[in-house]
Every structure is written in C-alpha cells, then in structure tokens.
C-alpha cells in the first residue's frame, strides 16, 4: 500500500514538472515597479496607458505559439483583473514592443487580443484603488498548438484555461504599482 502511494505521488510530480521555465523580461518592470506610462488613463488614473515591452527566451523546440498576459491578482473584483491577453503569437516571435497593446498593427501577424476585464480587445493599464498597491504579473506561455480554438472575444480566464491544457513552458515577471 505504501509503495502505491509513493509511486502515485512520483507520477503526479513528474507530470507537474513537464512544463519548463521561460525567462521573461520587461524593461518597464525590471526594477519591480509599474511606471507611470503603464498606468491607465481611465478610472481616475492619469497614466499613459502604454503596454510594457515583453521579451522571452528558453522555449522548448516544439513550441508552436505563445500567449502573453498581464494580470492583477489583487484587484478588488473577487477574481482579479486581466489587463491584457495576446494569444496565437507565432513561435518565431520572442518579444512585443512597448505600446503594442493599443496598436494592433504592432502585433505579430496572426496574433489575437482577447477581451480584457473592461471588455476591450486592447491593453488597459494599472489603476488600483487609492491607497492600495497591487502586483501586476506578465506571464508568457509556450504552447503546443498554433492557434487556440477559442473566439476572439474570449476572456482572459478562458484563454488561461485553454492555454494551460496546451502549455509546454511558462515564465513570468511581476511589478508593483499603487496610487
């Protein structure tokens, strides 16, 4: 009986270890703080609403596409807040330029932007309630599929769910921002 439990635990751990780590970088998040340019220009904030640059490396050779997202787990919604989700980024792309979140032409050919939690197919900058500091996490996932089988108006939660089923590797970087 004891062997069966140990073997089962080892099998589960092996499955969890299959997803490799990606190295994710962002010049705007490098010092761990969200810059004013990455704050929203709505909801009472006066930032530039410019998506940060993101680059990544270390993807498995069988990667077919990527998903990049920015998520605020601390948003007072009960479910966090998806600020930006880009899916179907081709496997030969390893970066997105600052500002790509509000300029669809700046995204790689074939990439799609899912709905953020303000019901927009674009980036929406940070804007925590006054007196609060939130963590904004950029996550990049390397996927085993070219295209996620979901509609363009999908939510960040749906993209997360389907991309996790096809994930080969993942990495993230976080920064804190407050007002």
Foldseek 3Di string as FASTA:
>chain_A
DVVVVVVVVVVVVVVVPQAAAKDKDWPCCVVQAHDQQQAACDPPRNGVVKATKMFIDDFDPLFAWKKKWKWWCPAPPVRTWTQWIKTLQGPVDGMQHIRCQPPVVSGDPPIAIEATPVQDSGGGGDDHDAPDKIKIKIKMFGFNDNGQPDDRHDYPVVCVVRRVVGGRYMYMGIHMYHD
